[in-house]
């Protein structure tokens, strides 16, 4: 489950639809059949159809979702909606038989799930009552008391570390890493089950100095021994285009297998169990 809204603005974000709290509209021109039904149905008269496709008047569009609901080719999609805990649990309950067989469960990601603490706690409680394993995927950028409140209801944390240098972290993500690192230290002392995740971004955080600092810091945390390297990929490029958002990562290259292996070996020097991939 993906929560919308994130306090970070990572240059390489692969879930741009989750950055803002508000709904996003995605338009895929290659699916559009030029039927003009969306324009005819729009209650705000906010849609114009041109030879190059459909365009929305930002000043008039209220993101009601009428266009997405009526599009016969599914060229328009409204991403993000307000739901209740009961709505979510109704979907989760459908798959409990699969969780039992696979020993899986629910992963709550984003965006940043800790940005909506009240809903998150209620959802974690509801999953707990149903006996569903609960994983929270977080950047750690939240008030400490919120993180600890979630920890009392969570079976596993996937905790992202973007960079160890505070200035570079701010430059690449828009926020300092001070709160993130401090929260991780506190969380590890609660005997929480934690897997560290390192999004490996060539030219940004894959240099030996940062990898060594990351390995030394993680290995100093009580009970934390696992780190997953997440290779950068370009799969989100089309997302930015379809969402009408500016992409800031066109200058980032993909990691080679040799580079990924070298980083993994370097981290293993700190007695960490390293996995390449999710």
C-alpha atoms as a PDB file:
ATOM      1  CA  UNK A   1       0.000   0.000   0.000  1.00  0.00           C
ATOM      2  CA  UNK A   2       1.370   3.389  -1.008  1.00  0.00           C
ATOM      3  CA  UNK A   3       0.679   6.514   1.038  1.00  0.00           C
ATOM      4  CA  UNK A   4       0.822   9.809  -0.834  1.00  0.00           C
ATOM      5  CA  UNK A   5       2.994  12.637   0.437  1.00  0.00           C
ATOM      6  CA  UNK A   6       6.721  12.687   1.182  1.00  0.00           C
ATOM      7  CA  UNK A   7       8.898  15.209   3.081  1.00  0.00           C
ATOM      8  CA  UNK A   8      11.866  14.343   0.839  1.00  0.00           C
ATOM      9  CA  UNK A   9      12.330  15.313  -2.790  1.00  0.00           C
ATOM     10  CA  UNK A  10      15.034  12.903  -3.974  1.00  0.00           C
ATOM     11  CA  UNK A  11      16.484  13.738  -7.387  1.00  0.00           C
ATOM     12  CA  UNK A  12      16.163  10.086  -8.412  1.00  0.00           C
ATOM     13  CA  UNK A  13      12.678   9.380  -7.011  1.00  0.00           C
ATOM     14  CA  UNK A  14      11.068   6.473  -8.864  1.00  0.00           C
ATOM     15  CA  UNK A  15       7.612   7.082  -7.333  1.00  0.00           C
ATOM     16  CA  UNK A  16       6.951  10.713  -8.326  1.00  0.00           C
ATOM     17  CA  UNK A  17       3.198  10.116  -8.075  1.00  0.00           C
ATOM     18  CA  UNK A  18       3.675   9.713  -4.306  1.00  0.00           C
ATOM     19  CA  UNK A  19       5.539  12.968  -3.657  1.00  0.00           C
ATOM     20  CA  UNK A  20       2.518  15.235  -3.143  1.00  0.00           C
ATOM     21  CA  UNK A  21      -0.361  14.646  -0.739  1.00  0.00           C
ATOM     22  CA  UNK A  22      -2.836  15.670  -3.423  1.00  0.00           C
ATOM     23  CA  UNK A  23      -4.129  13.454  -6.222  1.00  0.00           C
ATOM     24  CA  UNK A  24      -2.234  13.280  -9.493  1.00  0.00           C
ATOM     25  CA  UNK A  25      -3.652  12.817 -12.955  1.00  0.00           C
ATOM     26  CA  UNK A  26      -1.721  10.600 -15.362  1.00  0.00           C
ATOM     27  CA  UNK A  27      -2.349  10.879 -19.098  1.00  0.00           C
ATOM     28  CA  UNK A  28      -0.881   8.334 -21.504  1.00  0.00           C
ATOM     29  CA  UNK A  29      -1.088   9.736 -25.011  1.00  0.00           C
ATOM     30  CA  UNK A  30      -0.245   6.392 -26.612  1.00  0.00           C
ATOM     31  CA  UNK A  31      -3.502   4.944 -25.254  1.00  0.00           C
ATOM     32  CA  UNK A  32      -5.716   7.878 -26.192  1.00  0.00           C
ATOM     33  CA  UNK A  33      -8.182   7.118 -29.045  1.00  0.00           C
ATOM     34  CA  UNK A  34      -9.253  10.764 -29.489  1.00  0.00           C
ATOM     35  CA  UNK A  35     -12.869   9.988 -28.643  1.00  0.00           C
ATOM     36  CA  UNK A  36     -13.287  13.305 -26.743  1.00  0.00           C
ATOM     37  CA  UNK A  37     -15.585  11.685 -24.165  1.00  0.00           C
ATOM     38  CA  UNK A  38     -13.498  13.114 -21.318  1.00  0.00           C
ATOM     39  CA  UNK A  39     -13.925  16.663 -22.609  1.00  0.00           C
ATOM     40  CA  UNK A  40     -17.666  16.221 -23.043  1.00  0.00           C
ATOM     41  CA  UNK A  41     -18.097  14.794 -19.548  1.00  0.00           C
ATOM     42  CA  UNK A  42     -15.891  17.258 -17.630  1.00  0.00           C
ATOM     43  CA  UNK A  43     -18.149  19.210 -15.217  1.00  0.00           C
ATOM     44  CA  UNK A  44     -15.661  22.078 -15.005  1.00  0.00           C
ATOM     45  CA  UNK A  45     -15.086  22.399 -18.772  1.00  0.00           C
ATOM     46  CA  UNK A  46     -11.362  22.047 -17.999  1.00  0.00           C
ATOM     47  CA  UNK A  47     -10.377  19.761 -20.904  1.00  0.00           C
ATOM     48  CA  UNK A  48      -9.310  20.747 -24.377  1.00  0.00           C
ATOM     49  CA  UNK A  49      -8.498  18.281 -27.164  1.00  0.00           C
ATOM     50  CA  UNK A  50      -5.715  19.046 -29.627  1.00  0.00           C
ATOM     51  CA  UNK A  51      -3.959  17.143 -32.359  1.00  0.00           C
ATOM     52  CA  UNK A  52      -1.186  16.245 -29.912  1.00  0.00           C
ATOM     53  CA  UNK A  53      -3.656  14.965 -27.329  1.00  0.00           C
ATOM     54  CA  UNK A  54      -5.698  16.099 -24.344  1.00  0.00           C
ATOM     55  CA  UNK A  55      -4.767  19.026 -22.125  1.00  0.00           C
ATOM     56  CA  UNK A  56      -6.239  20.165 -18.814  1.00  0.00           C
ATOM     57  CA  UNK A  57      -6.703  23.744 -17.670  1.00  0.00           C
ATOM     58  CA  UNK A  58      -4.932  23.714 -14.289  1.00  0.00           C
ATOM     59  CA  UNK A  59      -6.924  26.685 -13.043  1.00  0.00           C
ATOM     60  CA  UNK A  60     -10.276  24.941 -13.614  1.00  0.00           C
ATOM     61  CA  UNK A  61      -9.521  21.259 -12.989  1.00  0.00           C
ATOM     62  CA  UNK A  62     -10.618  20.103  -9.529  1.00  0.00           C
ATOM     63  CA  UNK A  63      -9.337  16.514  -9.890  1.00  0.00           C
ATOM     64  CA  UNK A  64     -12.811  15.060  -9.540  1.00  0.00           C
ATOM     65  CA  UNK A  65     -11.828  11.982 -11.542  1.00  0.00           C
ATOM     66  CA  UNK A  66     -14.729  12.145 -14.018  1.00  0.00           C
ATOM     67  CA  UNK A  67     -12.368  12.008 -16.993  1.00  0.00           C
ATOM     68  CA  UNK A  68     -10.575   8.947 -15.647  1.00  0.00           C
ATOM     69  CA  UNK A  69     -13.820   7.166 -14.917  1.00  0.00           C
ATOM     70  CA  UNK A  70     -15.278   7.670 -18.374  1.00  0.00           C
ATOM     71  CA  UNK A  71     -12.187   7.080 -20.535  1.00  0.00           C
ATOM     72  CA  UNK A  72     -12.839   3.864 -22.523  1.00  0.00           C
ATOM     73  CA  UNK A  73      -9.156   3.373 -23.322  1.00  0.00           C
ATOM     74  CA  UNK A  74      -7.910   3.993 -19.766  1.00  0.00           C
ATOM     75  CA  UNK A  75      -5.629   6.721 -21.075  1.00  0.00           C
ATOM     76  CA  UNK A  76      -6.445   8.888 -18.057  1.00  0.00           C
ATOM     77  CA  UNK A  77      -5.839   7.738 -14.496  1.00  0.00           C
ATOM     78  CA  UNK A  78      -6.402   9.552 -11.207  1.00  0.00           C
ATOM     79  CA  UNK A  79      -3.689   8.531  -8.745  1.00  0.00           C
ATOM     80  CA  UNK A  80      -4.492   8.936  -5.071  1.00  0.00           C
ATOM     81  CA  UNK A  81      -7.819   8.864  -3.282  1.00  0.00           C
ATOM     82  CA  UNK A  82      -9.121   9.266   0.251  1.00  0.00           C
ATOM     83  CA  UNK A  83      -9.995   5.945   1.840  1.00  0.00           C
ATOM     84  CA  UNK A  84     -10.914   4.635   5.273  1.00  0.00           C
ATOM     85  CA  UNK A  85      -9.103   1.944   7.234  1.00  0.00           C
ATOM     86  CA  UNK A  86     -12.107  -0.294   6.634  1.00  0.00           C
ATOM     87  CA  UNK A  87     -11.752   0.234   2.874  1.00  0.00           C
ATOM     88  CA  UNK A  88      -8.134  -0.875   2.988  1.00  0.00           C
ATOM     89  CA  UNK A  89      -8.784  -3.802   5.296  1.00  0.00           C
ATOM     90  CA  UNK A  90     -11.508  -5.081   2.981  1.00  0.00           C
ATOM     91  CA  UNK A  91      -8.875  -5.390   0.249  1.00  0.00           C
ATOM     92  CA  UNK A  92      -6.274  -6.900   2.571  1.00  0.00           C
ATOM     93  CA  UNK A  93      -8.722  -9.494   3.880  1.00  0.00           C
ATOM     94  CA  UNK A  94      -9.237 -10.849   0.347  1.00  0.00           C
ATOM     95  CA  UNK A  95      -5.627 -12.064   0.251  1.00  0.00           C
ATOM     96  CA  UNK A  96      -5.113 -13.469   3.740  1.00  0.00           C
ATOM     97  CA  UNK A  97      -5.012 -17.024   2.377  1.00  0.00           C
ATOM     98  CA  UNK A  98      -1.986 -16.047   0.268  1.00  0.00           C
ATOM     99  CA  UNK A  99      -0.250 -14.408   3.239  1.00  0.00           C
ATOM    100  CA  UNK A 100      -0.685 -17.627   5.212  1.00  0.00           C
ATOM    101  CA  UNK A 101       0.894 -19.727   2.485  1.00  0.00           C
ATOM    102  CA  UNK A 102       3.727 -17.365   1.564  1.00  0.00           C
ATOM    103  CA  UNK A 103       4.460 -16.001   5.048  1.00  0.00           C
ATOM    104  CA  UNK A 104       4.005 -12.577   3.479  1.00  0.00           C
ATOM    105  CA  UNK A 105       1.800  -9.731   4.549  1.00  0.00           C
ATOM    106  CA  UNK A 106       1.272  -6.026   4.023  1.00  0.00           C
ATOM    107  CA  UNK A 107       4.015  -3.544   3.152  1.00  0.00           C
ATOM    108  CA  UNK A 108       3.091   0.068   3.783  1.00  0.00           C
ATOM    109  CA  UNK A 109       5.196   2.406   1.702  1.00  0.00           C
ATOM    110  CA  UNK A 110       4.898   5.782   0.021  1.00  0.00           C
ATOM    111  CA  UNK A 111       5.639   8.570  -0.139  1.00  0.00           C
ATOM    112  CA  UNK A 112       6.236   8.468   3.568  1.00  0.00           C
ATOM    113  CA  UNK A 113       3.688   6.534   5.669  1.00  0.00           C
ATOM    114  CA  UNK A 114       4.837   8.231   8.900  1.00  0.00           C
ATOM    115  CA  UNK A 115       3.565  11.508   7.432  1.00  0.00           C
ATOM    116  CA  UNK A 116       0.011  10.283   8.116  1.00  0.00           C
ATOM    117  CA  UNK A 117       0.478   8.869  11.629  1.00  0.00           C
ATOM    118  CA  UNK A 118      -3.115   8.568  12.796  1.00  0.00           C
ATOM    119  CA  UNK A 119      -4.232   6.565   9.776  1.00  0.00           C
ATOM    120  CA  UNK A 120      -1.048   4.497   9.847  1.00  0.00           C
ATOM    121  CA  UNK A 121      -1.474   3.476  13.502  1.00  0.00           C
ATOM    122  CA  UNK A 122      -5.115   2.513  12.965  1.00  0.00           C
ATOM    123  CA  UNK A 123      -4.185   0.476   9.907  1.00  0.00           C
ATOM    124  CA  UNK A 124      -1.345  -1.301  11.710  1.00  0.00           C
ATOM    125  CA  UNK A 125      -3.668  -2.102  14.612  1.00  0.00           C
ATOM    126  CA  UNK A 126      -6.282  -3.509  12.230  1.00  0.00           C
ATOM    127  CA  UNK A 127      -3.689  -5.675  10.473  1.00  0.00           C
ATOM    128  CA  UNK A 128      -2.461  -6.920  13.835  1.00  0.00           C
ATOM    129  CA  UNK A 129      -5.967  -7.996  14.844  1.00  0.00           C
ATOM    130  CA  UNK A 130      -6.241  -9.924  11.589  1.00  0.00           C
ATOM    131  CA  UNK A 131      -2.865 -11.577  12.187  1.00  0.00           C
ATOM    132  CA  UNK A 132      -1.297 -10.067   9.067  1.00  0.00           C
ATOM    133  CA  UNK A 133       2.465  -9.439   9.051  1.00  0.00           C
ATOM    134  CA  UNK A 134       3.177  -5.672   8.944  1.00  0.00           C
ATOM    135  CA  UNK A 135       6.127  -4.046   7.181  1.00  0.00           C
ATOM    136  CA  UNK A 136       6.694  -0.291   7.108  1.00  0.00           C
ATOM    137  CA  UNK A 137       8.945   1.158   4.405  1.00  0.00           C
ATOM    138  CA  UNK A 138      10.228   4.530   5.615  1.00  0.00           C
ATOM    139  CA  UNK A 139      12.821   7.234   5.078  1.00  0.00           C
ATOM    140  CA  UNK A 140      12.945   7.722   8.845  1.00  0.00           C
ATOM    141  CA  UNK A 141      12.281  11.445   8.455  1.00  0.00           C
ATOM    142  CA  UNK A 142       9.583  11.864  11.112  1.00  0.00           C
ATOM    143  CA  UNK A 143       9.090  12.814  14.728  1.00  0.00           C
ATOM    144  CA  UNK A 144      10.722  10.205  16.941  1.00  0.00           C
ATOM    145  CA  UNK A 145       7.598   9.586  18.993  1.00  0.00           C
ATOM    146  CA  UNK A 146       5.672   8.775  15.792  1.00  0.00           C
ATOM    147  CA  UNK A 147       8.342   6.283  14.730  1.00  0.00           C
ATOM    148  CA  UNK A 148       8.314   4.592  18.131  1.00  0.00           C
ATOM    149  CA  UNK A 149       4.527   4.466  18.163  1.00  0.00           C
ATOM    150  CA  UNK A 150       4.666   2.694  14.805  1.00  0.00           C
ATOM    151  CA  UNK A 151       7.400   0.379  16.097  1.00  0.00           C
ATOM    152  CA  UNK A 152       5.090  -1.002  18.766  1.00  0.00           C
ATOM    153  CA  UNK A 153       2.750  -2.136  15.973  1.00  0.00           C
ATOM    154  CA  UNK A 154       5.216  -3.143  13.225  1.00  0.00           C
ATOM    155  CA  UNK A 155       6.888  -6.486  12.529  1.00  0.00           C
ATOM    156  CA  UNK A 156       9.571  -5.252  10.106  1.00  0.00           C
ATOM    157  CA  UNK A 157      11.026  -1.911   9.027  1.00  0.00           C
ATOM    158  CA  UNK A 158      12.582  -1.255   5.627  1.00  0.00           C
ATOM    159  CA  UNK A 159      14.683   1.790   6.453  1.00  0.00           C
ATOM    160  CA  UNK A 160      16.253   3.872   3.687  1.00  0.00           C
ATOM    161  CA  UNK A 161      19.680   5.472   3.969  1.00  0.00           C
ATOM    162  CA  UNK A 162      20.367   7.882   1.106  1.00  0.00           C
ATOM    163  CA  UNK A 163      23.689   9.462   2.132  1.00  0.00           C
ATOM    164  CA  UNK A 164      25.841   9.803   5.256  1.00  0.00           C
ATOM    165  CA  UNK A 165      27.071  13.338   4.520  1.00  0.00           C
ATOM    166  CA  UNK A 166      24.496  15.871   5.817  1.00  0.00           C
ATOM    167  CA  UNK A 167      25.277  18.542   3.223  1.00  0.00           C
ATOM    168  CA  UNK A 168      25.085  16.128   0.308  1.00  0.00           C
ATOM    169  CA  UNK A 169      21.952  14.545   1.757  1.00  0.00           C
ATOM    170  CA  UNK A 170      20.311  17.961   1.832  1.00  0.00           C
ATOM    171  CA  UNK A 171      21.445  18.705  -1.716  1.00  0.00           C
ATOM    172  CA  UNK A 172      20.129  15.417  -3.106  1.00  0.00           C
ATOM    173  CA  UNK A 173      16.905  15.042  -1.079  1.00  0.00           C
ATOM    174  CA  UNK A 174      15.971  18.498   0.168  1.00  0.00           C
ATOM    175  CA  UNK A 175      16.348  17.623   3.884  1.00  0.00           C
ATOM    176  CA  UNK A 176      19.182  16.924   6.319  1.00  0.00           C
ATOM    177  CA  UNK A 177      19.919  13.358   7.423  1.00  0.00           C
ATOM    178  CA  UNK A 178      20.369  14.305  11.100  1.00  0.00           C
ATOM    179  CA  UNK A 179      16.853  13.259  12.126  1.00  0.00           C
ATOM    180  CA  UNK A 180      17.000  10.140   9.940  1.00  0.00           C
ATOM    181  CA  UNK A 181      20.210   8.819  11.496  1.00  0.00           C
ATOM    182  CA  UNK A 182      19.162   9.724  15.033  1.00  0.00           C
ATOM    183  CA  UNK A 183      15.819   7.965  14.588  1.00  0.00           C
ATOM    184  CA  UNK A 184      17.513   4.859  13.232  1.00  0.00           C
ATOM    185  CA  UNK A 185      19.749   4.682  16.291  1.00  0.00           C
ATOM    186  CA  UNK A 186      16.726   4.997  18.593  1.00  0.00           C
ATOM    187  CA  UNK A 187      14.744   2.417  16.626  1.00  0.00           C
ATOM    188  CA  UNK A 188      17.581  -0.107  16.712  1.00  0.00           C
ATOM    189  CA  UNK A 189      17.729   0.168  20.511  1.00  0.00           C
ATOM    190  CA  UNK A 190      14.056  -0.905  20.636  1.00  0.00           C
ATOM    191  CA  UNK A 191      15.072  -4.315  19.255  1.00  0.00           C
ATOM    192  CA  UNK A 192      13.026  -3.632  16.126  1.00  0.00           C
ATOM    193  CA  UNK A 193      13.521  -5.900  13.120  1.00  0.00           C
ATOM    194  CA  UNK A 194      15.191  -3.642  10.542  1.00  0.00           C
ATOM    195  CA  UNK A 195      16.527  -4.085   7.030  1.00  0.00           C
ATOM    196  CA  UNK A 196      18.554  -1.129   5.783  1.00  0.00           C
ATOM    197  CA  UNK A 197      17.996  -0.196   2.164  1.00  0.00           C
ATOM    198  CA  UNK A 198      20.590   1.748   0.203  1.00  0.00           C
ATOM    199  CA  UNK A 199      19.325   3.227  -3.078  1.00  0.00           C
ATOM    200  CA  UNK A 200      22.608   3.158  -4.993  1.00  0.00           C
ATOM    201  CA  UNK A 201      22.769   6.208  -7.252  1.00  0.00           C
ATOM    202  CA  UNK A 202      25.876   6.474  -9.464  1.00  0.00           C
ATOM    203  CA  UNK A 203      27.619   9.807  -9.068  1.00  0.00           C
ATOM    204  CA  UNK A 204      25.710  10.583  -5.868  1.00  0.00           C
ATOM    205  CA  UNK A 205      26.287   8.067  -3.078  1.00  0.00           C
ATOM    206  CA  UNK A 206      28.310   5.168  -4.482  1.00  0.00           C
ATOM    207  CA  UNK A 207      31.768   6.544  -3.737  1.00  0.00           C
ATOM    208  CA  UNK A 208      34.024   4.495  -1.396  1.00  0.00           C
ATOM    209  CA  UNK A 209      33.924   7.134   1.357  1.00  0.00           C
ATOM    210  CA  UNK A 210      30.136   7.095   1.615  1.00  0.00           C
ATOM    211  CA  UNK A 211      29.938   3.312   1.352  1.00  0.00           C
ATOM    212  CA  UNK A 212      32.485   2.939   4.162  1.00  0.00           C
ATOM    213  CA  UNK A 213      30.654   5.464   6.336  1.00  0.00           C
ATOM    214  CA  UNK A 214      27.376   3.669   5.666  1.00  0.00           C
ATOM    215  CA  UNK A 215      28.854   0.278   6.523  1.00  0.00           C
ATOM    216  CA  UNK A 216      30.480   1.542   9.716  1.00  0.00           C
ATOM    217  CA  UNK A 217      27.297   3.255  10.890  1.00  0.00           C
ATOM    218  CA  UNK A 218      24.971   0.341  10.165  1.00  0.00           C
ATOM    219  CA  UNK A 219      27.315  -2.176  11.789  1.00  0.00           C
ATOM    220  CA  UNK A 220      27.333  -0.053  14.950  1.00  0.00           C
ATOM    221  CA  UNK A 221      23.555  -0.405  15.371  1.00  0.00           C
ATOM    222  CA  UNK A 222      22.500  -3.123  17.825  1.00  0.00           C
ATOM    223  CA  UNK A 223      20.798  -6.022  16.084  1.00  0.00           C
ATOM    224  CA  UNK A 224      20.997  -4.547  12.564  1.00  0.00           C
ATOM    225  CA  UNK A 225      22.922  -6.833  10.221  1.00  0.00           C
ATOM    226  CA  UNK A 226      21.092  -6.723   6.867  1.00  0.00           C
ATOM    227  CA  UNK A 227      21.388  -4.175   4.098  1.00  0.00           C
ATOM    228  CA  UNK A 228      19.791  -4.301   0.658  1.00  0.00           C
ATOM    229  CA  UNK A 229      21.338  -2.414  -2.258  1.00  0.00           C
ATOM    230  CA  UNK A 230      18.675  -0.971  -4.559  1.00  0.00           C
ATOM    231  CA  UNK A 231      20.187  -0.342  -8.025  1.00  0.00           C
ATOM    232  CA  UNK A 232      19.096   2.839  -9.769  1.00  0.00           C
ATOM    233  CA  UNK A 233      16.924   2.315 -12.834  1.00  0.00           C
ATOM    234  CA  UNK A 234      15.313   4.604 -15.397  1.00  0.00           C
ATOM    235  CA  UNK A 235      11.846   3.034 -15.291  1.00  0.00           C
ATOM    236  CA  UNK A 236      10.241   6.182 -13.859  1.00  0.00           C
ATOM    237  CA  UNK A 237      11.087   8.374 -16.865  1.00  0.00           C
ATOM    238  CA  UNK A 238       7.718   7.705 -18.499  1.00  0.00           C
ATOM    239  CA  UNK A 239       5.945   8.389 -15.197  1.00  0.00           C
ATOM    240  CA  UNK A 240       7.310  11.922 -15.037  1.00  0.00           C
ATOM    241  CA  UNK A 241       6.216  12.592 -18.609  1.00  0.00           C
ATOM    242  CA  UNK A 242       2.715  11.180 -18.113  1.00  0.00           C
ATOM    243  CA  UNK A 243       2.276  13.127 -14.866  1.00  0.00           C
ATOM    244  CA  UNK A 244       3.500  16.379 -16.409  1.00  0.00           C
ATOM    245  CA  UNK A 245       6.339  16.593 -13.884  1.00  0.00           C
ATOM    246  CA  UNK A 246       9.928  17.699 -14.421  1.00  0.00           C
ATOM    247  CA  UNK A 247      12.497  14.926 -14.148  1.00  0.00           C
ATOM    248  CA  UNK A 248      15.835  15.739 -12.485  1.00  0.00           C
ATOM    249  CA  UNK A 249      17.689  12.472 -13.005  1.00  0.00           C
ATOM    250  CA  UNK A 250      18.382  12.365 -16.742  1.00  0.00           C
ATOM    251  CA  UNK A 251      22.120  12.607 -16.036  1.00  0.00           C
ATOM    252  CA  UNK A 252      22.212   9.490 -13.819  1.00  0.00           C
ATOM    253  CA  UNK A 253      23.542   6.294 -15.372  1.00  0.00           C
ATOM    254  CA  UNK A 254      22.522   2.781 -14.450  1.00  0.00           C
ATOM    255  CA  UNK A 255      24.852   0.784 -12.222  1.00  0.00           C
ATOM    256  CA  UNK A 256      26.886  -1.948 -13.848  1.00  0.00           C
ATOM    257  CA  UNK A 257      26.842  -5.440 -12.299  1.00  0.00           C
ATOM    258  CA  UNK A 258      30.540  -5.037 -11.529  1.00  0.00           C
ATOM    259  CA  UNK A 259      29.932  -1.788  -9.640  1.00  0.00           C
ATOM    260  CA  UNK A 260      27.078  -3.307  -7.629  1.00  0.00           C
ATOM    261  CA  UNK A 261      29.216  -6.293  -6.684  1.00  0.00           C
ATOM    262  CA  UNK A 262      32.096  -4.063  -5.625  1.00  0.00           C
ATOM    263  CA  UNK A 263      29.817  -2.048  -3.334  1.00  0.00           C
ATOM    264  CA  UNK A 264      28.345  -5.237  -1.879  1.00  0.00           C
ATOM    265  CA  UNK A 265      31.799  -6.665  -1.140  1.00  0.00           C
ATOM    266  CA  UNK A 266      32.842  -3.396   0.500  1.00  0.00           C
ATOM    267  CA  UNK A 267      29.810  -3.417   2.791  1.00  0.00           C
ATOM    268  CA  UNK A 268      30.407  -7.066   3.689  1.00  0.00           C
ATOM    269  CA  UNK A 269      33.720  -5.981   5.197  1.00  0.00           C
ATOM    270  CA  UNK A 270      31.617  -4.537   8.033  1.00  0.00           C
ATOM    271  CA  UNK A 271      30.121  -7.956   8.887  1.00  0.00           C
ATOM    272  CA  UNK A 272      26.827  -7.115   7.186  1.00  0.00           C
ATOM    273  CA  UNK A 273      24.608  -9.454   5.207  1.00  0.00           C
ATOM    274  CA  UNK A 274      24.262  -7.721   1.839  1.00  0.00           C
ATOM    275  CA  UNK A 275      21.681  -8.369  -0.862  1.00  0.00           C
ATOM    276  CA  UNK A 276      21.484  -6.685  -4.255  1.00  0.00           C
ATOM    277  CA  UNK A 277      17.840  -5.907  -4.961  1.00  0.00           C
ATOM    278  CA  UNK A 278      14.636  -5.392  -2.935  1.00  0.00           C
END
